[in-house]
């Protein structure tokens, strides 16, 4: 469908993407989806609901660090088993974009790592609502419905009006989850803008992890107050 949009413009471009860049966006996006693990993680919410989270609080490592370490390990395995195959398969069926700048590949690796961290932080905050709600299924459903659209999973956010995608990019962490690393990979922007995208991701990673630690601290205080 995205290739049809580019063809229909008459210029071979759609929102600044060539057909080859859009093909790379789609194939790499399918692999990246497994790496960031945007959906399906409810372990923390389940442990809060059952009370097993109490054992997490007795460990010498705080829950945010512990769960982040586990998620990074999962993401590393997914890179080898779920990301590499689509990236290697796509060129067999479509003309894809091959990075023309030497710095794109290492910059994409950093961007993908930051995407994993930002996504983990968002999922942690969604799960942590169970400390107050006791059942996070409603919040999880909202996350599932909204995250794919705002992260750039279903279509590149730059298909939207400039003012809208710019607002989404700066006001929410979700574009840093998928749109950012994919834009870096397909080299839609000049090198300085590529670097700026990663800097924005870094800022969101720091902010989201800080939010996770703050929420976890408040939740632990609440448990103590309640005698938990």
C-alpha atoms as a PDB file:
ATOM      1  CA  UNK A   1       0.000   0.000   0.000  1.00  0.00           C
ATOM      2  CA  UNK A   2       2.788   2.433   0.873  1.00  0.00           C
ATOM      3  CA  UNK A   3       4.502   1.682  -2.440  1.00  0.00           C
ATOM      4  CA  UNK A   4       1.234   2.454  -4.234  1.00  0.00           C
ATOM      5  CA  UNK A   5       1.114   5.826  -2.490  1.00  0.00           C
ATOM      6  CA  UNK A   6       4.622   6.649  -3.697  1.00  0.00           C
ATOM      7  CA  UNK A   7       3.770   5.526  -7.224  1.00  0.00           C
ATOM      8  CA  UNK A   8       0.547   7.519  -7.265  1.00  0.00           C
ATOM      9  CA  UNK A   9       2.308  10.802  -6.563  1.00  0.00           C
ATOM     10  CA  UNK A  10       3.957  10.729  -9.975  1.00  0.00           C
ATOM     11  CA  UNK A  11       7.338  11.621  -8.472  1.00  0.00           C
ATOM     12  CA  UNK A  12       8.113   8.275  -6.837  1.00  0.00           C
ATOM     13  CA  UNK A  13       8.176  10.011  -3.468  1.00  0.00           C
ATOM     14  CA  UNK A  14       5.658  10.033  -0.622  1.00  0.00           C
ATOM     15  CA  UNK A  15       6.232  12.391   2.323  1.00  0.00           C
ATOM     16  CA  UNK A  16       9.891  12.514   1.352  1.00  0.00           C
ATOM     17  CA  UNK A  17      10.338   8.724   1.157  1.00  0.00           C
ATOM     18  CA  UNK A  18      11.318   6.936  -2.037  1.00  0.00           C
ATOM     19  CA  UNK A  19       9.861   3.548  -2.952  1.00  0.00           C
ATOM     20  CA  UNK A  20      13.068   1.867  -1.799  1.00  0.00           C
ATOM     21  CA  UNK A  21      12.993   3.710   1.527  1.00  0.00           C
ATOM     22  CA  UNK A  22       9.367   2.744   2.111  1.00  0.00           C
ATOM     23  CA  UNK A  23      10.125  -0.909   1.372  1.00  0.00           C
ATOM     24  CA  UNK A  24      12.974  -0.799   3.886  1.00  0.00           C
ATOM     25  CA  UNK A  25      10.718   0.991   6.382  1.00  0.00           C
ATOM     26  CA  UNK A  26       8.169  -1.835   6.190  1.00  0.00           C
ATOM     27  CA  UNK A  27      10.531  -4.806   6.271  1.00  0.00           C
ATOM     28  CA  UNK A  28      12.793  -3.396   8.973  1.00  0.00           C
ATOM     29  CA  UNK A  29       9.711  -2.287  10.911  1.00  0.00           C
ATOM     30  CA  UNK A  30       8.402  -5.844  11.064  1.00  0.00           C
ATOM     31  CA  UNK A  31      11.661  -7.020  12.569  1.00  0.00           C
ATOM     32  CA  UNK A  32      11.930  -4.036  14.886  1.00  0.00           C
ATOM     33  CA  UNK A  33       8.456  -4.760  16.231  1.00  0.00           C
ATOM     34  CA  UNK A  34       9.738  -7.960  17.829  1.00  0.00           C
ATOM     35  CA  UNK A  35      12.893  -6.280  19.132  1.00  0.00           C
ATOM     36  CA  UNK A  36      11.133  -3.498  21.003  1.00  0.00           C
ATOM     37  CA  UNK A  37       8.352  -5.824  22.206  1.00  0.00           C
ATOM     38  CA  UNK A  38       5.745  -3.105  22.089  1.00  0.00           C
ATOM     39  CA  UNK A  39       2.869  -5.388  23.099  1.00  0.00           C
ATOM     40  CA  UNK A  40       2.169  -8.406  25.272  1.00  0.00           C
ATOM     41  CA  UNK A  41       4.246  -7.720  28.389  1.00  0.00           C
ATOM     42  CA  UNK A  42       2.105  -7.827  31.534  1.00  0.00           C
ATOM     43  CA  UNK A  43       4.503  -9.547  33.944  1.00  0.00           C
ATOM     44  CA  UNK A  44       4.768  -6.645  36.368  1.00  0.00           C
ATOM     45  CA  UNK A  45       1.002  -6.021  36.413  1.00  0.00           C
ATOM     46  CA  UNK A  46       0.376  -9.735  36.991  1.00  0.00           C
ATOM     47  CA  UNK A  47       2.843  -9.859  39.869  1.00  0.00           C
ATOM     48  CA  UNK A  48       1.266  -6.785  41.440  1.00  0.00           C
ATOM     49  CA  UNK A  49      -2.193  -8.337  41.163  1.00  0.00           C
ATOM     50  CA  UNK A  50      -1.097 -11.610  42.773  1.00  0.00           C
ATOM     51  CA  UNK A  51       1.133  -9.949  45.394  1.00  0.00           C
ATOM     52  CA  UNK A  52       4.282 -11.663  44.092  1.00  0.00           C
ATOM     53  CA  UNK A  53       5.784  -8.220  43.501  1.00  0.00           C
ATOM     54  CA  UNK A  54       6.636  -8.178  47.221  1.00  0.00           C
ATOM     55  CA  UNK A  55       9.515 -10.570  46.533  1.00  0.00           C
ATOM     56  CA  UNK A  56      10.838  -8.168  43.877  1.00  0.00           C
ATOM     57  CA  UNK A  57      11.090  -5.429  46.500  1.00  0.00           C
ATOM     58  CA  UNK A  58      13.289  -7.647  48.708  1.00  0.00           C
ATOM     59  CA  UNK A  59      15.959  -8.077  46.059  1.00  0.00           C
ATOM     60  CA  UNK A  60      19.160  -5.976  46.195  1.00  0.00           C
ATOM     61  CA  UNK A  61      18.448  -4.580  42.701  1.00  0.00           C
ATOM     62  CA  UNK A  62      15.474  -2.285  42.290  1.00  0.00           C
ATOM     63  CA  UNK A  63      12.644  -3.581  40.048  1.00  0.00           C
ATOM     64  CA  UNK A  64      13.167  -1.012  37.277  1.00  0.00           C
ATOM     65  CA  UNK A  65      16.805  -2.022  36.784  1.00  0.00           C
ATOM     66  CA  UNK A  66      16.020  -5.713  37.105  1.00  0.00           C
ATOM     67  CA  UNK A  67      13.210  -5.703  34.561  1.00  0.00           C
ATOM     68  CA  UNK A  68      15.183  -3.443  32.191  1.00  0.00           C
ATOM     69  CA  UNK A  69      18.145  -5.828  32.226  1.00  0.00           C
ATOM     70  CA  UNK A  70      15.861  -8.724  31.384  1.00  0.00           C
ATOM     71  CA  UNK A  71      14.215  -6.770  28.572  1.00  0.00           C
ATOM     72  CA  UNK A  72      17.554  -5.816  27.053  1.00  0.00           C
ATOM     73  CA  UNK A  73      18.520  -9.480  27.012  1.00  0.00           C
ATOM     74  CA  UNK A  74      15.240 -10.370  25.306  1.00  0.00           C
ATOM     75  CA  UNK A  75      15.766  -7.604  22.740  1.00  0.00           C
ATOM     76  CA  UNK A  76      19.299  -8.778  21.973  1.00  0.00           C
ATOM     77  CA  UNK A  77      18.031 -12.274  21.224  1.00  0.00           C
ATOM     78  CA  UNK A  78      15.207 -10.846  19.088  1.00  0.00           C
ATOM     79  CA  UNK A  79      17.716  -8.911  16.971  1.00  0.00           C
ATOM     80  CA  UNK A  80      19.310 -12.185  15.889  1.00  0.00           C
ATOM     81  CA  UNK A  81      16.157 -14.257  15.497  1.00  0.00           C
ATOM     82  CA  UNK A  82      13.432 -11.795  14.499  1.00  0.00           C
ATOM     83  CA  UNK A  83      15.107  -8.667  13.080  1.00  0.00           C
ATOM     84  CA  UNK A  84      17.860 -10.047  10.866  1.00  0.00           C
ATOM     85  CA  UNK A  85      15.643 -12.508   8.874  1.00  0.00           C
ATOM     86  CA  UNK A  86      13.186  -9.846   7.575  1.00  0.00           C
ATOM     87  CA  UNK A  87      16.039  -7.493   6.735  1.00  0.00           C
ATOM     88  CA  UNK A  88      17.721 -10.230   4.691  1.00  0.00           C
ATOM     89  CA  UNK A  89      14.471 -11.448   3.114  1.00  0.00           C
ATOM     90  CA  UNK A  90      13.128  -8.080   1.964  1.00  0.00           C
ATOM     91  CA  UNK A  91      15.771  -7.501  -0.754  1.00  0.00           C
ATOM     92  CA  UNK A  92      14.798 -10.820  -2.371  1.00  0.00           C
ATOM     93  CA  UNK A  93      11.380  -9.448  -3.296  1.00  0.00           C
ATOM     94  CA  UNK A  94      11.683  -5.651  -3.313  1.00  0.00           C
ATOM     95  CA  UNK A  95      14.165  -2.951  -4.174  1.00  0.00           C
ATOM     96  CA  UNK A  96      15.293  -1.644  -0.792  1.00  0.00           C
ATOM     97  CA  UNK A  97      17.358   1.282   0.397  1.00  0.00           C
ATOM     98  CA  UNK A  98      20.976   0.514   1.233  1.00  0.00           C
ATOM     99  CA  UNK A  99      22.545   3.053   3.657  1.00  0.00           C
ATOM    100  CA  UNK A 100      24.794   5.445   1.768  1.00  0.00           C
ATOM    101  CA  UNK A 101      26.498   7.005   4.828  1.00  0.00           C
ATOM    102  CA  UNK A 102      28.970   5.052   6.919  1.00  0.00           C
ATOM    103  CA  UNK A 103      27.603   6.500  10.168  1.00  0.00           C
ATOM    104  CA  UNK A 104      24.056   5.298   9.514  1.00  0.00           C
ATOM    105  CA  UNK A 105      24.598   1.707  10.666  1.00  0.00           C
ATOM    106  CA  UNK A 106      26.174   2.496  14.078  1.00  0.00           C
ATOM    107  CA  UNK A 107      23.720   5.361  14.555  1.00  0.00           C
ATOM    108  CA  UNK A 108      20.847   2.991  13.824  1.00  0.00           C
ATOM    109  CA  UNK A 109      22.226   0.498  16.351  1.00  0.00           C
ATOM    110  CA  UNK A 110      22.233   3.217  19.022  1.00  0.00           C
ATOM    111  CA  UNK A 111      18.780   4.361  17.950  1.00  0.00           C
ATOM    112  CA  UNK A 112      17.409   0.809  18.171  1.00  0.00           C
ATOM    113  CA  UNK A 113      18.862   0.395  21.667  1.00  0.00           C
ATOM    114  CA  UNK A 114      17.259   3.655  22.791  1.00  0.00           C
ATOM    115  CA  UNK A 115      13.969   2.547  21.209  1.00  0.00           C
ATOM    116  CA  UNK A 116      14.048  -0.611  23.336  1.00  0.00           C
ATOM    117  CA  UNK A 117      14.684   1.442  26.478  1.00  0.00           C
ATOM    118  CA  UNK A 118      11.913   3.942  25.718  1.00  0.00           C
ATOM    119  CA  UNK A 119       9.442   1.175  24.901  1.00  0.00           C
ATOM    120  CA  UNK A 120      10.356  -0.695  28.079  1.00  0.00           C
ATOM    121  CA  UNK A 121       9.794   2.438  30.134  1.00  0.00           C
ATOM    122  CA  UNK A 122       6.379   3.043  28.585  1.00  0.00           C
ATOM    123  CA  UNK A 123       5.322  -0.558  29.168  1.00  0.00           C
ATOM    124  CA  UNK A 124       6.601  -0.421  32.734  1.00  0.00           C
ATOM    125  CA  UNK A 125       4.514   2.671  33.449  1.00  0.00           C
ATOM    126  CA  UNK A 126       1.453   1.014  31.920  1.00  0.00           C
ATOM    127  CA  UNK A 127       1.994  -2.072  34.104  1.00  0.00           C
ATOM    128  CA  UNK A 128       2.687   0.031  37.189  1.00  0.00           C
ATOM    129  CA  UNK A 129      -0.838   1.445  37.103  1.00  0.00           C
ATOM    130  CA  UNK A 130      -1.813  -1.876  38.691  1.00  0.00           C
ATOM    131  CA  UNK A 131      -0.337  -0.582  41.966  1.00  0.00           C
ATOM    132  CA  UNK A 132      -3.341   1.751  42.144  1.00  0.00           C
ATOM    133  CA  UNK A 133      -5.932   0.068  39.911  1.00  0.00           C
ATOM    134  CA  UNK A 134      -5.111  -3.554  40.855  1.00  0.00           C
ATOM    135  CA  UNK A 135      -6.082  -4.537  37.301  1.00  0.00           C
ATOM    136  CA  UNK A 136      -4.199  -2.893  34.438  1.00  0.00           C
ATOM    137  CA  UNK A 137      -6.118  -4.531  31.601  1.00  0.00           C
ATOM    138  CA  UNK A 138      -7.989  -1.333  30.713  1.00  0.00           C
ATOM    139  CA  UNK A 139      -4.823   0.741  30.553  1.00  0.00           C
ATOM    140  CA  UNK A 140      -3.068  -2.042  28.639  1.00  0.00           C
ATOM    141  CA  UNK A 141      -5.855  -2.048  26.072  1.00  0.00           C
ATOM    142  CA  UNK A 142      -5.513   1.707  25.580  1.00  0.00           C
ATOM    143  CA  UNK A 143      -1.762   1.264  25.188  1.00  0.00           C
ATOM    144  CA  UNK A 144      -2.283  -1.453  22.569  1.00  0.00           C
ATOM    145  CA  UNK A 145      -4.727   0.669  20.578  1.00  0.00           C
ATOM    146  CA  UNK A 146      -2.761   3.911  20.668  1.00  0.00           C
ATOM    147  CA  UNK A 147       0.882   2.890  20.660  1.00  0.00           C
ATOM    148  CA  UNK A 148       0.944   1.371  17.187  1.00  0.00           C
ATOM    149  CA  UNK A 149      -0.486   4.486  15.544  1.00  0.00           C
ATOM    150  CA  UNK A 150       1.594   7.027  17.449  1.00  0.00           C
ATOM    151  CA  UNK A 151       4.791   4.997  17.175  1.00  0.00           C
ATOM    152  CA  UNK A 152       4.680   4.857  13.378  1.00  0.00           C
ATOM    153  CA  UNK A 153       3.929   1.145  13.097  1.00  0.00           C
ATOM    154  CA  UNK A 154       0.992   1.317  10.678  1.00  0.00           C
ATOM    155  CA  UNK A 155       2.295   4.178   8.537  1.00  0.00           C
ATOM    156  CA  UNK A 156       5.143   6.696   8.741  1.00  0.00           C
ATOM    157  CA  UNK A 157       4.078   9.603  10.928  1.00  0.00           C
ATOM    158  CA  UNK A 158       5.416  12.009   8.322  1.00  0.00           C
ATOM    159  CA  UNK A 159       2.402  11.169   6.186  1.00  0.00           C
ATOM    160  CA  UNK A 160       0.531  13.404   8.632  1.00  0.00           C
ATOM    161  CA  UNK A 161       0.562  17.234   8.404  1.00  0.00           C
ATOM    162  CA  UNK A 162       3.878  18.709   9.531  1.00  0.00           C
ATOM    163  CA  UNK A 163       2.440  20.440  12.587  1.00  0.00           C
ATOM    164  CA  UNK A 164       0.764  17.215  13.747  1.00  0.00           C
ATOM    165  CA  UNK A 165       3.642  14.774  13.391  1.00  0.00           C
ATOM    166  CA  UNK A 166       6.041  17.353  14.826  1.00  0.00           C
ATOM    167  CA  UNK A 167       3.832  17.767  17.884  1.00  0.00           C
ATOM    168  CA  UNK A 168       3.524  14.003  18.348  1.00  0.00           C
ATOM    169  CA  UNK A 169       7.288  13.585  17.974  1.00  0.00           C
ATOM    170  CA  UNK A 170       8.213  16.152  20.603  1.00  0.00           C
ATOM    171  CA  UNK A 171       5.267  15.805  22.999  1.00  0.00           C
ATOM    172  CA  UNK A 172       5.180  12.017  23.342  1.00  0.00           C
ATOM    173  CA  UNK A 173       7.859   9.311  23.578  1.00  0.00           C
ATOM    174  CA  UNK A 174       6.086   6.974  21.148  1.00  0.00           C
ATOM    175  CA  UNK A 175       7.737   8.123  17.873  1.00  0.00           C
ATOM    176  CA  UNK A 176      11.076   7.300  19.524  1.00  0.00           C
ATOM    177  CA  UNK A 177       9.944   3.684  19.722  1.00  0.00           C
ATOM    178  CA  UNK A 178       9.674   2.914  15.979  1.00  0.00           C
ATOM    179  CA  UNK A 179       9.519   5.982  13.751  1.00  0.00           C
ATOM    180  CA  UNK A 180      12.875   7.345  14.921  1.00  0.00           C
ATOM    181  CA  UNK A 181      15.092   4.284  14.335  1.00  0.00           C
ATOM    182  CA  UNK A 182      13.411   3.544  10.999  1.00  0.00           C
ATOM    183  CA  UNK A 183      13.911   7.126   9.792  1.00  0.00           C
ATOM    184  CA  UNK A 184      17.557   6.855  10.787  1.00  0.00           C
ATOM    185  CA  UNK A 185      17.921   3.580   8.870  1.00  0.00           C
ATOM    186  CA  UNK A 186      16.316   4.755   5.625  1.00  0.00           C
ATOM    187  CA  UNK A 187      18.266   8.033   5.673  1.00  0.00           C
ATOM    188  CA  UNK A 188      15.239  10.192   4.949  1.00  0.00           C
ATOM    189  CA  UNK A 189      16.978  13.204   6.489  1.00  0.00           C
ATOM    190  CA  UNK A 190      20.466  14.715   6.281  1.00  0.00           C
ATOM    191  CA  UNK A 191      23.098  13.431   8.701  1.00  0.00           C
ATOM    192  CA  UNK A 192      22.687  16.285  11.249  1.00  0.00           C
ATOM    193  CA  UNK A 193      18.942  15.601  11.448  1.00  0.00           C
ATOM    194  CA  UNK A 194      19.655  11.880  11.886  1.00  0.00           C
ATOM    195  CA  UNK A 195      21.813  12.743  14.875  1.00  0.00           C
ATOM    196  CA  UNK A 196      19.133  15.082  16.214  1.00  0.00           C
ATOM    197  CA  UNK A 197      16.577  12.258  16.063  1.00  0.00           C
ATOM    198  CA  UNK A 198      18.812  10.087  18.229  1.00  0.00           C
ATOM    199  CA  UNK A 199      19.361  12.951  20.681  1.00  0.00           C
ATOM    200  CA  UNK A 200      15.584  13.314  21.053  1.00  0.00           C
ATOM    201  CA  UNK A 201      15.381   9.564  21.699  1.00  0.00           C
ATOM    202  CA  UNK A 202      18.066   9.851  24.355  1.00  0.00           C
ATOM    203  CA  UNK A 203      16.138  12.615  26.073  1.00  0.00           C
ATOM    204  CA  UNK A 204      12.967  10.527  26.103  1.00  0.00           C
ATOM    205  CA  UNK A 205      14.847   7.470  27.368  1.00  0.00           C
ATOM    206  CA  UNK A 206      16.181   9.441  30.340  1.00  0.00           C
ATOM    207  CA  UNK A 207      12.788  11.032  31.024  1.00  0.00           C
ATOM    208  CA  UNK A 208      10.830   7.779  30.819  1.00  0.00           C
ATOM    209  CA  UNK A 209      13.256   5.852  33.044  1.00  0.00           C
ATOM    210  CA  UNK A 210      13.159   8.699  35.569  1.00  0.00           C
ATOM    211  CA  UNK A 211       9.368   8.470  35.472  1.00  0.00           C
ATOM    212  CA  UNK A 212       9.542   4.709  36.081  1.00  0.00           C
ATOM    213  CA  UNK A 213      11.736   5.166  39.144  1.00  0.00           C
ATOM    214  CA  UNK A 214       9.502   7.925  40.494  1.00  0.00           C
ATOM    215  CA  UNK A 215       6.341   5.847  40.047  1.00  0.00           C
ATOM    216  CA  UNK A 216       8.007   2.786  41.568  1.00  0.00           C
ATOM    217  CA  UNK A 217       9.135   4.819  44.588  1.00  0.00           C
ATOM    218  CA  UNK A 218       5.645   6.231  45.104  1.00  0.00           C
ATOM    219  CA  UNK A 219       4.155   2.758  44.762  1.00  0.00           C
ATOM    220  CA  UNK A 220       6.539   1.327  47.361  1.00  0.00           C
ATOM    221  CA  UNK A 221       5.641   4.103  49.786  1.00  0.00           C
ATOM    222  CA  UNK A 222       1.985   3.335  49.227  1.00  0.00           C
ATOM    223  CA  UNK A 223       2.563  -0.347  49.990  1.00  0.00           C
ATOM    224  CA  UNK A 224       4.400   0.515  53.200  1.00  0.00           C
ATOM    225  CA  UNK A 225       1.670   2.901  54.294  1.00  0.00           C
ATOM    226  CA  UNK A 226      -0.884   0.161  53.741  1.00  0.00           C
ATOM    227  CA  UNK A 227       1.246  -2.265  55.730  1.00  0.00           C
ATOM    228  CA  UNK A 228       2.204  -4.331  52.687  1.00  0.00           C
END
